[in-house]
């Protein structure tokens, strides 16, 4: 079987799979958070933008810069619904270990499905971190809460309206020269008719004898 035939047969199955399971947004990933603490480093990556009902991929990387203990890292992503009146959020336990030796890296990827009724605009993230680091003569507890901008939720209804508006505008612009030509033709015909009517000789009156 030729390669082209195989591709044509496989394409409908692929499209059906995407339709059923929804779209996962991998493209345009960017770093939304990068922090180095005492003995601990953290980075978070997320897509620039997506639509409601899309599934986005958020990636987090945690690295031990020294020998640390009692490490807890939690990722929280949140937004709003009902024009800001109702909150929406989801959280993930990235790390919860007693020992995290120097040079150890923990990297996790999470697929987050965006609600169909979420408000357009930015979603936000918070990273909660707790750990202990040795500073002679004892272990010292550390903690931090880092907030960041996550993924922008696009307004599908507005974009559809904008597309319709641009389409109508383009049609009007293409029709406008024809409209001008038609109006000019009508005016020319009217003027010519009026001129010919004015120049037409009057009928002579017949006088009977």
Protein backbone atom coordinates (compact mmCIF):
# COMPACT_ATOMS: atom_id res chain seq x y z
CA UNK A 1 0.00 0.00 0.00
CA UNK A 2 1.39 3.38 -0.98
CA UNK A 3 2.35 5.89 1.67
CA UNK A 4 -0.16 8.44 0.35
CA UNK A 5 -2.99 5.92 0.69
CA UNK A 6 -1.96 5.09 4.26
CA UNK A 7 -1.88 8.79 5.20
CA UNK A 8 -5.32 9.38 3.66
CA UNK A 9 -6.75 6.42 5.60
CA UNK A 10 -5.13 7.46 8.88
CA UNK A 11 -6.08 11.14 8.70
CA UNK A 12 -9.82 10.70 9.50
CA UNK A 13 -8.92 8.52 12.51
CA UNK A 14 -6.50 11.17 13.78
CA UNK A 15 -9.05 13.96 13.34
CA UNK A 16 -11.70 11.91 15.14
CA UNK A 17 -9.32 11.30 18.03
CA UNK A 18 -8.56 15.00 18.36
CA UNK A 19 -12.28 15.81 18.27
CA UNK A 20 -13.21 13.25 20.90
CA UNK A 21 -10.39 13.82 23.35
CA UNK A 22 -9.96 17.57 22.87
CA UNK A 23 -6.95 19.58 21.85
CA UNK A 24 -3.77 19.68 23.93
CA UNK A 25 -1.87 22.95 23.64
CA UNK A 26 1.88 22.24 23.46
CA UNK A 27 3.01 25.10 21.21
CA UNK A 28 4.52 28.42 22.25
CA UNK A 29 5.62 27.21 25.66
CA UNK A 30 7.46 29.82 27.71
CA UNK A 31 9.06 30.12 31.12
CA UNK A 32 6.56 31.77 33.48
CA UNK A 33 8.61 31.44 36.67
CA UNK A 34 12.31 31.07 37.49
CA UNK A 35 13.57 31.39 41.06
CA UNK A 36 16.70 30.36 42.96
CA UNK A 37 16.37 30.16 46.72
CA UNK A 38 18.81 29.12 49.42
CA UNK A 39 19.57 25.57 48.33
CA UNK A 40 16.62 25.22 45.95
CA UNK A 41 15.77 26.26 42.37
CA UNK A 42 12.39 26.16 40.62
CA UNK A 43 11.12 26.80 37.07
CA UNK A 44 7.61 26.66 35.63
CA UNK A 45 6.67 26.55 31.92
CA UNK A 46 3.23 27.10 30.35
CA UNK A 47 1.71 27.98 26.93
CA UNK A 48 1.23 31.62 25.96
CA UNK A 49 -2.49 31.25 25.24
CA UNK A 50 -5.34 28.83 24.63
CA UNK A 51 -9.14 28.67 24.27
CA UNK A 52 -11.74 27.49 26.79
CA UNK A 53 -12.07 23.67 26.79
CA UNK A 54 -8.44 23.27 25.61
CA UNK A 55 -6.06 21.09 27.58
CA UNK A 56 -2.79 22.88 28.30
CA UNK A 57 0.51 21.36 29.41
CA UNK A 58 2.23 22.95 32.42
CA UNK A 59 5.76 21.78 33.24
CA UNK A 60 7.69 22.35 36.48
CA UNK A 61 11.34 21.69 37.29
CA UNK A 62 12.77 21.66 40.83
CA UNK A 63 16.50 21.28 41.53
CA UNK A 64 18.46 20.85 44.76
CA UNK A 65 21.32 23.37 44.82
CA UNK A 66 22.54 21.95 48.16
CA UNK A 67 21.64 18.99 50.34
CA UNK A 68 18.17 19.81 51.65
CA UNK A 69 15.50 17.96 53.62
CA UNK A 70 11.73 17.95 54.21
CA UNK A 71 11.01 19.39 50.77
CA UNK A 72 7.40 20.17 49.83
CA UNK A 73 6.44 21.89 46.56
CA UNK A 74 2.83 22.47 45.49
CA UNK A 75 1.68 24.06 42.23
CA UNK A 76 -1.63 25.91 42.08
CA UNK A 77 -3.24 27.28 38.87
CA UNK A 78 -6.33 29.47 39.11
CA UNK A 79 -8.71 31.70 37.17
CA UNK A 80 -12.32 32.85 37.42
CA UNK A 81 -15.83 32.22 36.10
CA UNK A 82 -19.04 34.27 35.91
CA UNK A 83 -17.19 37.52 35.15
CA UNK A 84 -14.98 37.16 38.20
CA UNK A 85 -17.66 36.21 40.71
CA UNK A 86 -16.66 32.53 40.97
CA UNK A 87 -13.10 31.26 41.39
CA UNK A 88 -11.65 28.25 39.58
CA UNK A 89 -8.46 26.43 40.40
CA UNK A 90 -6.52 23.19 40.44
CA UNK A 91 -3.44 22.08 42.41
CA UNK A 92 -0.67 19.47 42.15
CA UNK A 93 1.79 18.10 44.67
CA UNK A 94 5.07 18.32 42.80
CA UNK A 95 7.40 17.19 45.57
CA UNK A 96 7.04 15.85 49.12
CA UNK A 97 10.20 14.07 50.27
CA UNK A 98 12.33 13.83 53.40
CA UNK A 99 15.68 13.98 51.57
CA UNK A 100 16.60 15.90 48.41
CA UNK A 101 20.40 15.64 47.87
CA UNK A 102 22.44 18.26 46.04
CA UNK A 103 22.07 17.99 42.23
CA UNK A 104 18.79 16.06 42.36
CA UNK A 105 16.22 17.23 39.79
CA UNK A 106 12.48 16.64 39.93
CA UNK A 107 10.57 17.43 36.73
CA UNK A 108 6.82 16.94 36.31
CA UNK A 109 4.33 17.68 33.51
CA UNK A 110 0.63 18.26 34.11
CA UNK A 111 -2.21 18.37 31.58
CA UNK A 112 -4.83 20.88 32.73
CA UNK A 113 -8.22 21.05 31.01
CA UNK A 114 -9.52 24.62 30.90
CA UNK A 115 -13.20 24.96 31.74
CA UNK A 116 -15.55 25.79 28.84
CA UNK A 117 -17.13 28.63 30.85
CA UNK A 118 -13.93 30.18 32.22
CA UNK A 119 -13.56 33.96 31.94
CA UNK A 120 -11.31 35.19 29.12
CA UNK A 121 -8.03 36.74 30.21
CA UNK A 122 -5.02 35.67 32.23
CA UNK A 123 -4.83 32.66 34.49
CA UNK A 124 -2.38 32.77 37.37
CA UNK A 125 -0.20 30.38 39.29
CA UNK A 126 1.22 30.10 42.79
CA UNK A 127 4.11 27.91 43.84
CA UNK A 128 4.22 26.98 47.53
CA UNK A 129 7.63 25.78 48.72
CA UNK A 130 8.88 24.49 52.07
CA UNK A 131 12.29 22.94 52.81
CA UNK A 132 15.07 22.69 55.41
CA UNK A 133 18.74 23.45 54.87
CA UNK A 134 21.67 22.82 57.17
CA UNK A 135 23.37 25.86 58.60
CA UNK A 136 25.72 24.99 61.42
CA UNK A 137 24.88 24.00 64.05
CA UNK A 138 21.34 22.97 62.97
CA UNK A 139 18.80 22.58 60.14
CA UNK A 140 16.89 25.77 59.33
CA UNK A 141 13.35 25.79 57.94
CA UNK A 142 12.70 27.79 54.75
CA UNK A 143 9.51 28.65 52.90
CA UNK A 144 8.29 30.80 50.04
CA UNK A 145 5.16 31.57 48.01
CA UNK A 146 5.85 32.64 44.42
CA UNK A 147 3.04 33.91 42.19
CA UNK A 148 3.20 34.23 38.40
CA UNK A 149 1.15 34.86 35.28
CA UNK A 150 0.23 31.62 33.54
CA UNK A 151 -1.75 31.16 30.30
CA UNK A 152 -3.97 33.74 28.57
CA UNK A 153 -7.49 32.46 27.80
CA UNK A 154 -8.68 33.80 24.45
CA UNK A 155 -12.27 34.94 23.84
CA UNK A 156 -13.65 32.67 21.11
CA UNK A 157 -16.99 34.50 20.77
CA UNK A 158 -15.25 37.84 20.33
CA UNK A 159 -12.85 36.42 17.74
CA UNK A 160 -15.76 34.89 15.79
CA UNK A 161 -17.55 38.27 15.86
CA UNK A 162 -14.37 40.04 14.72
CA UNK A 163 -13.97 37.56 11.86
CA UNK A 164 -17.58 38.13 10.76
CA UNK A 165 -17.11 41.90 10.95
CA UNK A 166 -13.92 41.79 8.86
CA UNK A 167 -15.63 39.55 6.29
CA UNK A 168 -18.58 41.94 5.93
CA UNK A 169 -16.22 44.92 5.73
CA UNK A 170 -14.21 43.27 2.96
CA UNK A 171 -17.39 42.50 1.04
CA UNK A 172 -18.54 46.11 1.35
CA UNK A 173 -15.18 47.38 0.16
CA UNK A 174 -15.30 45.09 -2.87
CA UNK A 175 -18.87 46.14 -3.67
CA UNK A 176 -18.24 49.89 -3.22
CA UNK A 177 -16.56 50.53 -6.63
CA UNK A 178 -19.40 48.69 -8.36
CA UNK A 179 -21.92 50.77 -6.41
CA UNK A 180 -20.21 53.99 -7.40
CA UNK A 181 -20.18 52.96 -11.07
CA UNK A 182 -23.88 52.01 -10.91
CA UNK A 183 -24.86 55.34 -9.32
CA UNK A 184 -22.79 57.24 -11.90
CA UNK A 185 -24.49 55.33 -14.73
CA UNK A 186 -27.96 56.04 -13.33
CA UNK A 187 -27.15 59.75 -12.96
CA UNK A 188 -25.77 59.89 -16.52
CA UNK A 189 -28.88 58.19 -17.93
CA UNK A 190 -31.18 60.49 -16.00
CA UNK A 191 -29.33 63.59 -17.18
CA UNK A 192 -29.31 62.34 -20.78
CA UNK A 193 -33.04 61.60 -20.67
CA UNK A 194 -33.81 65.03 -19.27
CA UNK A 195 -31.64 66.70 -21.92
CA UNK A 196 -33.20 64.77 -24.78
CA UNK A 197 -36.68 65.49 -23.49
CA UNK A 198 -35.86 69.18 -23.39
CA UNK A 199 -34.44 69.17 -26.93
CA UNK A 200 -37.34 67.17 -28.42
CA UNK A 201 -39.32 69.38 -30.91
CA UNK A 202 -42.80 70.29 -29.82
CA UNK A 203 -45.69 68.88 -31.84
CA UNK A 204 -47.32 71.52 -34.14
CA UNK A 205 -50.96 72.32 -33.56
CA UNK A 206 -53.17 71.48 -36.58
CA UNK A 207 -55.77 74.17 -37.35
CA UNK A 208 -58.77 72.97 -39.22
CA UNK A 209 -60.20 75.24 -41.91
